[in-house]
Structures are given as structure tokens and as C-alpha cells.
Amino acid sequence: MTIRVVIADDHPVYRSGLAGVLADADDIDVVGEAADGAAALTLAAELQPDVILMDLHMPGITGVEATRRLIGRTSVLVLTMFDDDESVLAAMRAGARGYLVKGAAGDRIVGAVRAVAAGEAVFGADVAGRVLGAFADDRRAGRPVQPFPTLTDREREILGMIAAGWSNTDIARRLVLSDKTVRNHVSNIFAKLQVADRSQAIVRAREAGLGVSPSDT
């Protein structure tokens, strides 16, 4: 099976070099290149790639926002020069399946593309260490560590309501959202948690301590 890849980065020279690296892999086909988040979203809809290699800081729609909008449609592997905790955690919460820092060896990038396409999560050892360190600092400081870090605050709120037995209609009415918006949020939640249906999401949520009953809210 050939892995279809779109490269989203606002530096044309880097895009070209990365495309050359991936071209050496027989099972990877670079089907498109985007210079910003908006173009990445357009190409994702037109080309339906398996993986998008996404830079975080691009003009217009950022890589983080583009990643959030792509959840459930394709897998995103972040490849950026930023390895600070804030950037990594933002990408994770947006739903990125992997995170590598620019400068990673070509074989490492190729391997990460294959892993993400297969449904695995890939984070460089240095990045993983920084994330774990950030969580540990939160615990030591007594700050609550939110479950499911790939979820946005809104998605986590909706997941808690689902776990408490709220229907989509009830959630929409309570949060003053359209039914379609709630359905989109629920779809994103299922994709990020890798669950097939509402019952599986409820089990995961309750195991993490989410799910206040409607009468308590």
C-alpha cells in the first residue's frame, strides 16, 4: 500500500528537500504541497492523503488550528522547529498523531510517516521527555492534569456530558450550540479517543473520572 502524503510548510526550500527525502521511499507518494494552513485544508479535502506533515507556525490558519480541523479526516505528523512545551502540548491537544523537530534524520521522518499512517503515535524522545516533564511539574505544583490531552477544552466538556448521559440535543441546548456543531465535536472526540461509538467513549471517560450527572450541573 502506498502512503499518500501532503507537506504543509511555508518554507519552499524545506518543502522541496523533505519531498526529496520521502521520494526515496518506495511506499510513500508526496501528492501535494501547501504553504499555509488554509491550503493544507484544501488539499486534504481534494486529495484525501493518509498523512499530512504539518509545520505549526504558518501564516493565516496555523498548523495547530489546521490539525484540529483535520481530526477524523487524515493523520497529522507535526514537523516543526519548535520543541517548547507549549507548542508540543498544543499540537497534542489539537489531535496530532506525531511530533518531530526539524533536523530529524531522513530515515526517522520516513519511519514516523509509516507509523502514523498505521495508526501509531510517534514522538521524538526529546519531545516525549519534555511533555512528561511538563505533566510532572503540574502534579508537583498541585495543578490538575487534564485527562485526554489531545482534546480541546470544549471537547472535554462535551465528553463529560456524554459520560453523564446527555444526548446531543441536550448538549446543544445547554451549551447554546447547533446540533451540527455538537455532532462534529462528538465525531472529533471519537477519532481522538480511537473509539467506535458512544458507549466506548463513555467507558473511557468514566475511567478517567469524567461524567457529572445532569442534576449536579
N, C-alpha and C. Protein backbone atom coordinates (compact mmCIF):
# COMPACT_ATOMS: atom_id res chain seq x y z
N MET A 1 0.84 -1.20 0.00
CA MET A 1 0.00 0.00 0.00
C MET A 1 0.88 1.25 0.00
N THR A 2 0.54 2.20 -0.86
CA THR A 2 1.29 3.45 -0.94
C THR A 2 0.68 4.48 0.00
N ILE A 3 1.52 5.13 0.78
CA ILE A 3 1.08 6.15 1.74
C ILE A 3 1.08 7.50 1.04
N ARG A 4 -0.09 8.11 0.96
CA ARG A 4 -0.23 9.39 0.29
C ARG A 4 0.02 10.52 1.29
N VAL A 5 0.95 11.41 0.96
CA VAL A 5 1.40 12.44 1.91
C VAL A 5 1.26 13.83 1.30
N VAL A 6 0.81 14.77 2.13
CA VAL A 6 0.84 16.19 1.79
C VAL A 6 1.80 16.87 2.76
N ILE A 7 2.65 17.74 2.23
CA ILE A 7 3.60 18.51 3.06
C ILE A 7 3.08 19.93 3.20
N ALA A 8 2.90 20.37 4.44
CA ALA A 8 2.43 21.73 4.71
C ALA A 8 3.51 22.50 5.46
N ASP A 9 4.15 23.43 4.79
CA ASP A 9 5.23 24.22 5.38
C ASP A 9 5.38 25.49 4.56
N ASP A 10 5.61 26.62 5.23
CA ASP A 10 5.69 27.88 4.49
C ASP A 10 7.07 28.18 3.94
N HIS A 11 8.01 27.26 4.08
CA HIS A 11 9.36 27.45 3.53
C HIS A 11 9.53 26.53 2.31
N PRO A 12 9.51 27.08 1.10
CA PRO A 12 9.56 26.26 -0.11
C PRO A 12 10.81 25.39 -0.22
N VAL A 13 11.94 25.91 0.23
CA VAL A 13 13.18 25.13 0.14
C VAL A 13 13.08 23.90 1.04
N TYR A 14 12.53 24.09 2.25
CA TYR A 14 12.39 22.94 3.15
C TYR A 14 11.39 21.94 2.59
N ARG A 15 10.27 22.43 2.03
CA ARG A 15 9.29 21.52 1.44
C ARG A 15 9.93 20.68 0.35
N SER A 16 10.72 21.33 -0.49
CA SER A 16 11.37 20.62 -1.59
C SER A 16 12.33 19.55 -1.07
N GLY A 17 13.12 19.92 -0.06
CA GLY A 17 14.06 18.96 0.50
C GLY A 17 13.36 17.78 1.15
N LEU A 18 12.27 18.05 1.86
CA LEU A 18 11.52 17.00 2.53
C LEU A 18 10.86 16.08 1.50
N ALA A 19 10.33 16.67 0.44
CA ALA A 19 9.74 15.87 -0.62
C ALA A 19 10.77 14.93 -1.23
N GLY A 20 12.01 15.43 -1.37
CA GLY A 20 13.08 14.59 -1.91
C GLY A 20 13.40 13.42 -1.00
N VAL A 21 13.41 13.68 0.31
CA VAL A 21 13.67 12.61 1.27
C VAL A 21 12.60 11.53 1.18
N LEU A 22 11.34 11.95 1.12
CA LEU A 22 10.23 10.99 1.09
C LEU A 22 10.16 10.26 -0.25
N ALA A 23 10.62 10.90 -1.31
CA ALA A 23 10.58 10.27 -2.63
C ALA A 23 11.46 9.03 -2.69
N ASP A 24 12.45 8.95 -1.82
CA ASP A 24 13.34 7.79 -1.82
C ASP A 24 12.67 6.55 -1.24
N ALA A 25 11.53 6.73 -0.60
CA ALA A 25 10.80 5.59 -0.01
C ALA A 25 9.79 5.07 -1.04
N ASP A 26 9.88 3.80 -1.37
CA ASP A 26 9.02 3.23 -2.41
C ASP A 26 7.55 3.23 -2.04
N ASP A 27 7.26 3.23 -0.73
CA ASP A 27 5.86 3.12 -0.29
C ASP A 27 5.24 4.47 0.08
N ILE A 28 5.93 5.57 -0.24
CA ILE A 28 5.41 6.91 0.09
C ILE A 28 5.32 7.75 -1.17
N ASP A 29 4.18 8.41 -1.35
CA ASP A 29 3.96 9.26 -2.52
C ASP A 29 3.54 10.65 -2.05
N VAL A 30 4.36 11.66 -2.31
CA VAL A 30 4.01 13.04 -1.97
C VAL A 30 3.04 13.55 -3.03
N VAL A 31 1.79 13.72 -2.65
CA VAL A 31 0.75 14.07 -3.62
C VAL A 31 0.46 15.56 -3.67
N GLY A 32 1.00 16.34 -2.71
CA GLY A 32 0.74 17.76 -2.72
C GLY A 32 1.57 18.52 -1.72
N GLU A 33 1.72 19.83 -1.95
CA GLU A 33 2.46 20.70 -1.03
C GLU A 33 1.62 21.94 -0.76
N ALA A 34 1.64 22.40 0.50
CA ALA A 34 0.86 23.57 0.90
C ALA A 34 1.77 24.55 1.63
N ALA A 35 1.55 25.84 1.39
CA ALA A 35 2.38 26.88 2.01
C ALA A 35 1.75 27.47 3.26
N ASP A 36 0.52 27.07 3.59
CA ASP A 36 -0.13 27.58 4.80
C ASP A 36 -1.25 26.62 5.21
N GLY A 37 -1.84 26.90 6.37
CA GLY A 37 -2.86 26.01 6.89
C GLY A 37 -4.09 25.92 6.02
N ALA A 38 -4.50 27.05 5.43
CA ALA A 38 -5.69 27.04 4.57
C ALA A 38 -5.48 26.14 3.36
N ALA A 39 -4.31 26.23 2.76
CA ALA A 39 -4.01 25.38 1.61
C ALA A 39 -3.94 23.91 2.02
N ALA A 40 -3.45 23.65 3.22
CA ALA A 40 -3.39 22.28 3.71
C ALA A 40 -4.79 21.69 3.83
N LEU A 41 -5.74 22.49 4.34
CA LEU A 41 -7.11 22.03 4.47
C LEU A 41 -7.74 21.77 3.10
N THR A 42 -7.45 22.65 2.16
CA THR A 42 -7.98 22.48 0.81
C THR A 42 -7.45 21.20 0.17
N LEU A 43 -6.13 20.99 0.28
CA LEU A 43 -5.53 19.79 -0.32
C LEU A 43 -6.01 18.52 0.38
N ALA A 44 -6.23 18.62 1.68
CA ALA A 44 -6.74 17.44 2.40
C ALA A 44 -8.09 17.02 1.86
N ALA A 45 -8.94 18.01 1.57
CA ALA A 45 -10.28 17.71 1.04
C ALA A 45 -10.20 17.18 -0.39
N GLU A 46 -9.30 17.75 -1.19
CA GLU A 46 -9.20 17.37 -2.60
C GLU A 46 -8.47 16.04 -2.80
N LEU A 47 -7.39 15.83 -2.06
CA LEU A 47 -6.50 14.69 -2.32
C LEU A 47 -6.67 13.53 -1.35
N GLN A 48 -7.31 13.80 -0.19
CA GLN A 48 -7.53 12.77 0.83
C GLN A 48 -6.25 11.98 1.14
N PRO A 49 -5.20 12.68 1.58
CA PRO A 49 -3.94 12.00 1.91
C PRO A 49 -4.08 11.15 3.16
N ASP A 50 -3.17 10.21 3.32
CA ASP A 50 -3.13 9.39 4.54
C ASP A 50 -2.47 10.15 5.69
N VAL A 51 -1.47 10.96 5.34
CA VAL A 51 -0.70 11.71 6.35
C VAL A 51 -0.43 13.11 5.83
N ILE A 52 -0.54 14.09 6.72
CA ILE A 52 -0.08 15.44 6.40
C ILE A 52 1.07 15.78 7.33
N LEU A 53 2.20 16.13 6.74
CA LEU A 53 3.34 16.62 7.51
C LEU A 53 3.12 18.11 7.72
N MET A 54 2.93 18.51 8.97
CA MET A 54 2.43 19.85 9.28
C MET A 54 3.42 20.67 10.09
N ASP A 55 3.79 21.83 9.56
CA ASP A 55 4.53 22.81 10.37
C ASP A 55 3.49 23.53 11.24
N LEU A 56 3.90 23.99 12.41
CA LEU A 56 2.95 24.61 13.32
C LEU A 56 2.73 26.09 13.02
N HIS A 57 3.80 26.82 12.78
CA HIS A 57 3.69 28.28 12.66
C HIS A 57 3.75 28.68 11.19
N MET A 58 2.56 28.86 10.63
CA MET A 58 2.42 29.27 9.24
C MET A 58 1.47 30.47 9.18
N PRO A 59 1.54 31.26 8.12
CA PRO A 59 0.65 32.44 8.02
C PRO A 59 -0.81 32.03 7.89
N GLY A 60 -1.70 32.90 8.34
CA GLY A 60 -3.13 32.60 8.25
C GLY A 60 -3.53 31.54 9.26
N ILE A 61 -4.16 30.49 8.79
CA ILE A 61 -4.55 29.39 9.66
C ILE A 61 -3.30 28.64 10.11
N THR A 62 -3.08 28.58 11.41
CA THR A 62 -1.87 27.94 11.93
C THR A 62 -1.94 26.43 11.77
N GLY A 63 -0.77 25.80 11.94
CA GLY A 63 -0.73 24.35 11.88
C GLY A 63 -1.55 23.71 12.97
N VAL A 64 -1.60 24.32 14.14
CA VAL A 64 -2.40 23.78 15.25
C VAL A 64 -3.88 23.80 14.89
N GLU A 65 -4.37 24.92 14.39
CA GLU A 65 -5.78 25.02 14.03
C GLU A 65 -6.10 24.10 12.86
N ALA A 66 -5.22 24.02 11.88
CA ALA A 66 -5.43 23.12 10.74
C ALA A 66 -5.50 21.67 11.22
N THR A 67 -4.63 21.31 12.14
CA THR A 67 -4.64 19.95 12.70
C THR A 67 -5.96 19.66 13.37
N ARG A 68 -6.45 20.62 14.15
CA ARG A 68 -7.73 20.45 14.85
C ARG A 68 -8.87 20.19 13.85
N ARG A 69 -8.84 20.90 12.73
CA ARG A 69 -9.92 20.75 11.75
C ARG A 69 -9.81 19.46 10.95
N LEU A 70 -8.64 18.84 10.97
CA LEU A 70 -8.42 17.64 10.16
C LEU A 70 -8.68 16.35 10.92
N ILE A 71 -8.97 16.44 12.21
CA ILE A 71 -9.19 15.24 13.01
C ILE A 71 -10.35 14.43 12.41
N GLY A 72 -10.10 13.14 12.25
CA GLY A 72 -11.10 12.25 11.69
C GLY A 72 -11.04 12.17 10.18
N ARG A 73 -10.24 13.07 9.55
CA ARG A 73 -10.13 13.06 8.08
C ARG A 73 -8.79 12.52 7.61
N THR A 74 -7.74 12.82 8.34
CA THR A 74 -6.41 12.33 7.99
C THR A 74 -5.54 12.40 9.24
N SER A 75 -4.39 11.73 9.19
CA SER A 75 -3.47 11.75 10.33
C SER A 75 -2.44 12.85 10.13
N VAL A 76 -2.13 13.56 11.20
CA VAL A 76 -1.19 14.68 11.13
C VAL A 76 0.08 14.34 11.89
N LEU A 77 1.21 14.51 11.21
CA LEU A 77 2.53 14.38 11.82
C LEU A 77 3.15 15.77 11.82
N VAL A 78 3.33 16.33 13.00
CA VAL A 78 3.92 17.67 13.10
C VAL A 78 5.43 17.57 12.91
N LEU A 79 5.94 18.45 12.06
CA LEU A 79 7.38 18.53 11.83
C LEU A 79 7.73 20.01 11.86
N THR A 80 8.31 20.46 12.96
CA THR A 80 8.48 21.89 13.18
C THR A 80 9.80 22.17 13.87
N MET A 81 10.21 23.43 13.89
CA MET A 81 11.45 23.79 14.56
C MET A 81 11.23 24.07 16.04
N PHE A 82 9.96 24.11 16.48
CA PHE A 82 9.65 24.47 17.85
C PHE A 82 9.45 23.20 18.69
N ASP A 83 10.20 23.10 19.79
CA ASP A 83 10.05 21.93 20.67
C ASP A 83 9.73 22.35 22.10
N ASP A 84 9.21 23.58 22.28
CA ASP A 84 8.84 24.03 23.62
C ASP A 84 7.57 23.32 24.06
N ASP A 85 7.38 23.26 25.37
CA ASP A 85 6.24 22.53 25.93
C ASP A 85 4.91 23.03 25.39
N GLU A 86 4.77 24.35 25.28
CA GLU A 86 3.51 24.93 24.84
C GLU A 86 3.14 24.46 23.43
N SER A 87 4.12 24.45 22.53
CA SER A 87 3.85 24.03 21.15
C SER A 87 3.50 22.55 21.09
N VAL A 88 4.27 21.74 21.82
CA VAL A 88 4.03 20.29 21.81
C VAL A 88 2.64 19.97 22.36
N LEU A 89 2.31 20.56 23.50
CA LEU A 89 1.02 20.28 24.12
C LEU A 89 -0.14 20.79 23.26
N ALA A 90 0.05 21.93 22.61
CA ALA A 90 -0.99 22.46 21.73
C ALA A 90 -1.24 21.51 20.56
N ALA A 91 -0.16 20.97 20.01
CA ALA A 91 -0.30 20.03 18.89
C ALA A 91 -0.99 18.75 19.35
N MET A 92 -0.63 18.26 20.53
CA MET A 92 -1.26 17.05 21.06
C MET A 92 -2.75 17.26 21.30
N ARG A 93 -3.08 18.40 21.90
CA ARG A 93 -4.49 18.69 22.17
C ARG A 93 -5.28 18.85 20.88
N ALA A 94 -4.61 19.33 19.84
CA ALA A 94 -5.29 19.50 18.55
C ALA A 94 -5.52 18.17 17.85
N GLY A 95 -4.80 17.12 18.29
CA GLY A 95 -5.02 15.80 17.72
C GLY A 95 -3.90 15.27 16.85
N ALA A 96 -2.71 15.88 16.90
CA ALA A 96 -1.58 15.38 16.12
C ALA A 96 -1.23 13.96 16.55
N ARG A 97 -0.92 13.11 15.56
CA ARG A 97 -0.55 11.73 15.84
C ARG A 97 0.95 11.59 16.10
N GLY A 98 1.72 12.61 15.77
CA GLY A 98 3.16 12.55 15.99
C GLY A 98 3.76 13.93 16.00
N TYR A 99 4.97 14.03 16.54
CA TYR A 99 5.62 15.33 16.66
C TYR A 99 7.12 15.12 16.57
N LEU A 100 7.73 15.66 15.52
CA LEU A 100 9.18 15.61 15.36
C LEU A 100 9.70 17.03 15.17
N VAL A 101 10.93 17.22 15.58
CA VAL A 101 11.57 18.53 15.41
C VAL A 101 12.37 18.51 14.13
N LYS A 102 12.31 19.62 13.37
CA LYS A 102 13.08 19.73 12.14
C LYS A 102 14.56 19.48 12.46
N GLY A 103 15.20 18.78 11.59
CA GLY A 103 16.57 18.35 11.85
C GLY A 103 16.63 16.87 12.12
N ALA A 104 15.45 16.25 12.30
CA ALA A 104 15.41 14.80 12.47
C ALA A 104 15.95 14.14 11.21
N ALA A 105 16.62 13.01 11.37
CA ALA A 105 17.20 12.30 10.23
C ALA A 105 16.11 11.85 9.26
N GLY A 106 16.48 11.76 7.99
CA GLY A 106 15.52 11.38 6.96
C GLY A 106 14.86 10.04 7.23
N ASP A 107 15.64 9.05 7.68
CA ASP A 107 15.05 7.74 7.94
C ASP A 107 14.09 7.80 9.13
N ARG A 108 14.36 8.71 10.06
CA ARG A 108 13.45 8.89 11.20
C ARG A 108 12.12 9.46 10.73
N ILE A 109 12.17 10.43 9.82
CA ILE A 109 10.94 11.02 9.30
C ILE A 109 10.15 9.99 8.50
N VAL A 110 10.83 9.24 7.66
CA VAL A 110 10.16 8.20 6.86
C VAL A 110 9.49 7.18 7.78
N GLY A 111 10.22 6.75 8.80
CA GLY A 111 9.66 5.79 9.75
C GLY A 111 8.45 6.34 10.48
N ALA A 112 8.50 7.63 10.82
CA ALA A 112 7.39 8.26 11.53
C ALA A 112 6.16 8.35 10.63
N VAL A 113 6.36 8.67 9.37
CA VAL A 113 5.24 8.72 8.42
C VAL A 113 4.58 7.35 8.33
N ARG A 114 5.38 6.31 8.22
CA ARG A 114 4.82 4.95 8.14
C ARG A 114 4.06 4.59 9.42
N ALA A 115 4.62 4.96 10.57
CA ALA A 115 3.99 4.63 11.85
C ALA A 115 2.66 5.36 12.01
N VAL A 116 2.65 6.65 11.69
CA VAL A 116 1.42 7.44 11.82
C VAL A 116 0.35 6.93 10.86
N ALA A 117 0.76 6.56 9.64
CA ALA A 117 -0.19 6.02 8.67
C ALA A 117 -0.79 4.72 9.15
N ALA A 118 -0.04 3.99 9.97
CA ALA A 118 -0.53 2.71 10.52
C ALA A 118 -1.35 2.90 11.78
N GLY A 119 -1.54 4.15 12.21
CA GLY A 119 -2.36 4.42 13.38
C GLY A 119 -1.59 4.54 14.67
N GLU A 120 -0.27 4.55 14.60
CA GLU A 120 0.53 4.66 15.81
C GLU A 120 0.78 6.13 16.14
N ALA A 121 1.18 6.39 17.38
CA ALA A 121 1.57 7.73 17.81
C ALA A 121 3.09 7.78 17.87
N VAL A 122 3.68 8.84 17.37
CA VAL A 122 5.13 8.95 17.29
C VAL A 122 5.59 10.30 17.85
N PHE A 123 6.44 10.25 18.86
CA PHE A 123 7.02 11.47 19.42
C PHE A 123 8.50 11.23 19.65
N GLY A 124 9.33 12.16 19.21
CA GLY A 124 10.76 12.03 19.43
C GLY A 124 11.06 11.93 20.91
N ALA A 125 12.15 11.24 21.25
CA ALA A 125 12.48 11.02 22.66
C ALA A 125 12.62 12.34 23.41
N ASP A 126 13.22 13.34 22.77
CA ASP A 126 13.39 14.63 23.44
C ASP A 126 12.05 15.31 23.67
N VAL A 127 11.16 15.22 22.70
CA VAL A 127 9.84 15.82 22.83
C VAL A 127 9.03 15.10 23.89
N ALA A 128 9.04 13.76 23.85
CA ALA A 128 8.29 12.99 24.85
C ALA A 128 8.76 13.33 26.25
N GLY A 129 10.06 13.47 26.41
CA GLY A 129 10.61 13.81 27.73
C GLY A 129 10.13 15.15 28.21
N ARG A 130 10.03 16.12 27.31
CA ARG A 130 9.58 17.45 27.70
C ARG A 130 8.11 17.43 28.10
N VAL A 131 7.30 16.66 27.38
CA VAL A 131 5.87 16.58 27.71
C VAL A 131 5.68 15.92 29.07
N LEU A 132 6.36 14.80 29.28
CA LEU A 132 6.25 14.11 30.57
C LEU A 132 6.73 15.01 31.69
N GLY A 133 7.78 15.78 31.41
CA GLY A 133 8.29 16.71 32.42
C GLY A 133 7.28 17.79 32.74
N ALA A 134 6.57 18.28 31.71
CA ALA A 134 5.54 19.31 31.93
C ALA A 134 4.41 18.76 32.79
N PHE A 135 3.99 17.52 32.52
CA PHE A 135 2.94 16.92 33.33
C PHE A 135 3.41 16.72 34.77
N ALA A 136 4.66 16.30 34.93
CA ALA A 136 5.20 16.09 36.28
C ALA A 136 5.26 17.40 37.04
N ASP A 137 5.64 18.47 36.35
CA ASP A 137 5.69 19.78 37.01
C ASP A 137 4.30 20.20 37.47
N ASP A 138 3.28 19.92 36.64
CA ASP A 138 1.91 20.25 37.02
C ASP A 138 1.51 19.51 38.29
N ARG A 139 1.86 18.23 38.35
CA ARG A 139 1.49 17.44 39.51
C ARG A 139 2.19 17.95 40.77
N ARG A 140 3.49 18.24 40.65
CA ARG A 140 4.24 18.72 41.81
C ARG A 140 3.71 20.06 42.29
N ALA A 141 3.24 20.89 41.35
CA ALA A 141 2.72 22.21 41.71
C ALA A 141 1.27 22.15 42.17
N GLY A 142 0.70 20.96 42.15
CA GLY A 142 -0.68 20.83 42.59
C GLY A 142 -1.69 21.26 41.55
N ARG A 143 -1.22 21.48 40.30
CA ARG A 143 -2.15 21.85 39.24
C ARG A 143 -2.78 20.59 38.67
N PRO A 144 -4.08 20.61 38.41
CA PRO A 144 -4.73 19.42 37.88
C PRO A 144 -4.22 19.08 36.48
N VAL A 145 -3.97 17.80 36.24
CA VAL A 145 -3.57 17.33 34.92
C VAL A 145 -4.82 16.82 34.21
N GLN A 146 -5.19 17.49 33.14
CA GLN A 146 -6.43 17.14 32.47
C GLN A 146 -6.31 15.79 31.78
N PRO A 147 -7.35 14.96 31.87
CA PRO A 147 -7.34 13.71 31.11
C PRO A 147 -7.49 14.00 29.62
N PHE A 148 -7.03 13.07 28.81
CA PHE A 148 -7.15 13.17 27.36
C PHE A 148 -6.59 14.49 26.83
N PRO A 149 -5.26 14.67 26.88
CA PRO A 149 -4.66 15.94 26.48
C PRO A 149 -4.85 16.31 25.03
N THR A 150 -5.24 15.34 24.16
CA THR A 150 -5.47 15.70 22.76
C THR A 150 -6.81 16.40 22.55
N LEU A 151 -7.69 16.34 23.56
CA LEU A 151 -8.98 17.00 23.43
C LEU A 151 -8.88 18.49 23.74
N THR A 152 -9.67 19.29 23.06
CA THR A 152 -9.78 20.70 23.41
C THR A 152 -10.63 20.81 24.67
N ASP A 153 -10.63 21.99 25.29
CA ASP A 153 -11.44 22.18 26.49
C ASP A 153 -12.92 21.93 26.20
N ARG A 154 -13.39 22.40 25.05
CA ARG A 154 -14.79 22.19 24.68
C ARG A 154 -15.09 20.71 24.48
N GLU A 155 -14.19 20.00 23.80
CA GLU A 155 -14.40 18.57 23.58
C GLU A 155 -14.41 17.80 24.89
N ARG A 156 -13.55 18.20 25.82
CA ARG A 156 -13.52 17.52 27.12
C ARG A 156 -14.82 17.79 27.88
N GLU A 157 -15.33 19.01 27.76
CA GLU A 157 -16.60 19.34 28.40
C GLU A 157 -17.73 18.49 27.84
N ILE A 158 -17.77 18.37 26.52
CA ILE A 158 -18.82 17.58 25.87
C ILE A 158 -18.67 16.10 26.21
N LEU A 159 -17.43 15.61 26.27
CA LEU A 159 -17.22 14.21 26.64
C LEU A 159 -17.75 13.95 28.05
N GLY A 160 -17.52 14.88 28.97
CA GLY A 160 -18.05 14.72 30.32
C GLY A 160 -19.56 14.66 30.33
N MET A 161 -20.20 15.45 29.46
CA MET A 161 -21.65 15.45 29.39
C MET A 161 -22.16 14.15 28.77
N ILE A 162 -21.43 13.65 27.78
CA ILE A 162 -21.80 12.36 27.18
C ILE A 162 -21.72 11.27 28.25
N ALA A 163 -20.65 11.29 29.03
CA ALA A 163 -20.47 10.28 30.08
C ALA A 163 -21.54 10.37 31.14
N ALA A 164 -22.12 11.56 31.30
CA ALA A 164 -23.19 11.76 32.28
C ALA A 164 -24.57 11.41 31.73
N GLY A 165 -24.61 11.01 30.44
CA GLY A 165 -25.87 10.56 29.87
C GLY A 165 -26.62 11.60 29.05
N TRP A 166 -25.97 12.72 28.74
CA TRP A 166 -26.64 13.76 27.95
C TRP A 166 -26.71 13.34 26.48
N SER A 167 -27.81 13.63 25.84
CA SER A 167 -27.93 13.41 24.40
C SER A 167 -27.31 14.60 23.66
N ASN A 168 -27.06 14.43 22.35
CA ASN A 168 -26.52 15.54 21.56
C ASN A 168 -27.45 16.75 21.60
N THR A 169 -28.75 16.49 21.54
CA THR A 169 -29.72 17.59 21.56
C THR A 169 -29.66 18.35 22.88
N ASP A 170 -29.55 17.61 23.98
CA ASP A 170 -29.46 18.25 25.29
C ASP A 170 -28.17 19.06 25.42
N ILE A 171 -27.07 18.50 24.90
CA ILE A 171 -25.78 19.19 24.95
C ILE A 171 -25.85 20.49 24.14
N ALA A 172 -26.44 20.40 22.96
CA ALA A 172 -26.56 21.59 22.10
C ALA A 172 -27.37 22.68 22.80
N ARG A 173 -28.46 22.28 23.43
CA ARG A 173 -29.32 23.26 24.11
C ARG A 173 -28.57 23.89 25.29
N ARG A 174 -27.87 23.06 26.07
CA ARG A 174 -27.18 23.56 27.27
C ARG A 174 -26.02 24.49 26.91
N LEU A 175 -25.28 24.15 25.88
CA LEU A 175 -24.10 24.93 25.51
C LEU A 175 -24.40 26.00 24.47
N VAL A 176 -25.67 26.08 24.05
CA VAL A 176 -26.10 27.05 23.04
C VAL A 176 -25.27 26.86 21.76
N LEU A 177 -25.27 25.63 21.27
CA LEU A 177 -24.59 25.27 20.03
C LEU A 177 -25.60 24.65 19.08
N SER A 178 -25.27 24.63 17.80
CA SER A 178 -26.14 23.95 16.84
C SER A 178 -25.95 22.44 16.96
N ASP A 179 -26.96 21.69 16.54
CA ASP A 179 -26.86 20.24 16.57
C ASP A 179 -25.67 19.77 15.72
N LYS A 180 -25.45 20.42 14.58
CA LYS A 180 -24.36 20.03 13.69
C LYS A 180 -23.01 20.25 14.38
N THR A 181 -22.86 21.37 15.09
CA THR A 181 -21.61 21.64 15.79
C THR A 181 -21.33 20.58 16.84
N VAL A 182 -22.35 20.19 17.57
CA VAL A 182 -22.19 19.16 18.59
C VAL A 182 -21.81 17.84 17.92
N ARG A 183 -22.47 17.49 16.82
CA ARG A 183 -22.14 16.25 16.12
C ARG A 183 -20.68 16.25 15.66
N ASN A 184 -20.21 17.40 15.18
CA ASN A 184 -18.82 17.49 14.75
C ASN A 184 -17.87 17.30 15.92
N HIS A 185 -18.20 17.92 17.06
CA HIS A 185 -17.37 17.75 18.26
C HIS A 185 -17.34 16.28 18.68
N VAL A 186 -18.50 15.63 18.67
CA VAL A 186 -18.57 14.22 19.08
C VAL A 186 -17.75 13.35 18.14
N SER A 187 -17.83 13.63 16.84
CA SER A 187 -17.03 12.88 15.87
C SER A 187 -15.54 13.06 16.13
N ASN A 188 -15.13 14.29 16.42
CA ASN A 188 -13.72 14.55 16.73
C ASN A 188 -13.28 13.81 17.99
N ILE A 189 -14.15 13.80 18.99
CA ILE A 189 -13.84 13.11 20.25
C ILE A 189 -13.62 11.62 19.99
N PHE A 190 -14.52 11.01 19.23
CA PHE A 190 -14.40 9.58 18.94
C PHE A 190 -13.09 9.30 18.22
N ALA A 191 -12.73 10.17 17.25
CA ALA A 191 -11.50 9.96 16.49
C ALA A 191 -10.27 10.07 17.39
N LYS A 192 -10.25 11.09 18.25
CA LYS A 192 -9.10 11.30 19.12
C LYS A 192 -8.95 10.19 20.16
N LEU A 193 -10.09 9.69 20.66
CA LEU A 193 -10.04 8.61 21.66
C LEU A 193 -9.91 7.25 21.01
N GLN A 194 -10.04 7.22 19.67
CA GLN A 194 -9.98 5.97 18.90
C GLN A 194 -11.04 4.98 19.40
N VAL A 195 -12.26 5.48 19.53
CA VAL A 195 -13.39 4.62 19.92
C VAL A 195 -14.39 4.60 18.77
N ALA A 196 -15.19 3.53 18.72
CA ALA A 196 -16.10 3.34 17.60
C ALA A 196 -17.48 3.95 17.84
N ASP A 197 -17.86 4.09 19.10
CA ASP A 197 -19.21 4.56 19.35
C ASP A 197 -19.31 5.25 20.71
N ARG A 198 -20.51 5.68 21.03
CA ARG A 198 -20.77 6.45 22.24
C ARG A 198 -20.50 5.62 23.50
N SER A 199 -20.88 4.34 23.48
CA SER A 199 -20.70 3.51 24.67
C SER A 199 -19.23 3.35 25.02
N GLN A 200 -18.39 3.18 24.01
CA GLN A 200 -16.95 3.06 24.27
C GLN A 200 -16.38 4.37 24.80
N ALA A 201 -16.87 5.49 24.28
CA ALA A 201 -16.41 6.80 24.75
C ALA A 201 -16.81 7.00 26.21
N ILE A 202 -18.01 6.55 26.57
CA ILE A 202 -18.47 6.69 27.95
C ILE A 202 -17.59 5.89 28.90
N VAL A 203 -17.23 4.68 28.49
CA VAL A 203 -16.35 3.85 29.34
C VAL A 203 -15.01 4.54 29.56
N ARG A 204 -14.41 5.04 28.46
CA ARG A 204 -13.12 5.73 28.59
C ARG A 204 -13.24 6.95 29.48
N ALA A 205 -14.31 7.72 29.31
CA ALA A 205 -14.48 8.95 30.07
C ALA A 205 -14.66 8.67 31.55
N ARG A 206 -15.47 7.68 31.87
CA ARG A 206 -15.72 7.38 33.28
C ARG A 206 -14.50 6.79 33.96
N GLU A 207 -13.69 6.04 33.20
CA GLU A 207 -12.44 5.53 33.76
C GLU A 207 -11.51 6.67 34.14
N ALA A 208 -11.62 7.80 33.40
CA ALA A 208 -10.78 8.97 33.67
C ALA A 208 -11.41 9.93 34.67
N GLY A 209 -12.58 9.56 35.20
CA GLY A 209 -13.22 10.39 36.21
C GLY A 209 -14.16 11.44 35.68
N LEU A 210 -14.47 11.41 34.38
CA LEU A 210 -15.41 12.36 33.81
C LEU A 210 -16.83 11.82 33.90
N GLY A 211 -17.80 12.73 33.93
CA GLY A 211 -19.18 12.30 33.89
C GLY A 211 -19.99 12.70 35.09
N VAL A 212 -20.22 14.00 35.24
CA VAL A 212 -21.09 14.50 36.32
C VAL A 212 -22.53 14.36 35.85
N SER A 213 -23.41 13.90 36.70
CA SER A 213 -24.80 13.72 36.29
C SER A 213 -25.45 15.05 36.02
N PRO A 214 -26.43 15.08 35.08
CA PRO A 214 -27.08 16.35 34.73
C PRO A 214 -27.65 17.08 35.93
N SER A 215 -28.12 16.35 36.93
CA SER A 215 -28.73 17.00 38.08
C SER A 215 -27.72 17.75 38.93
N ASP A 216 -26.43 17.44 38.73
CA ASP A 216 -25.38 18.09 39.51
C ASP A 216 -24.81 19.32 38.82
N THR A 217 -25.21 19.59 37.59
CA THR A 217 -24.61 20.68 36.85
C THR A 217 -25.50 21.91 36.88
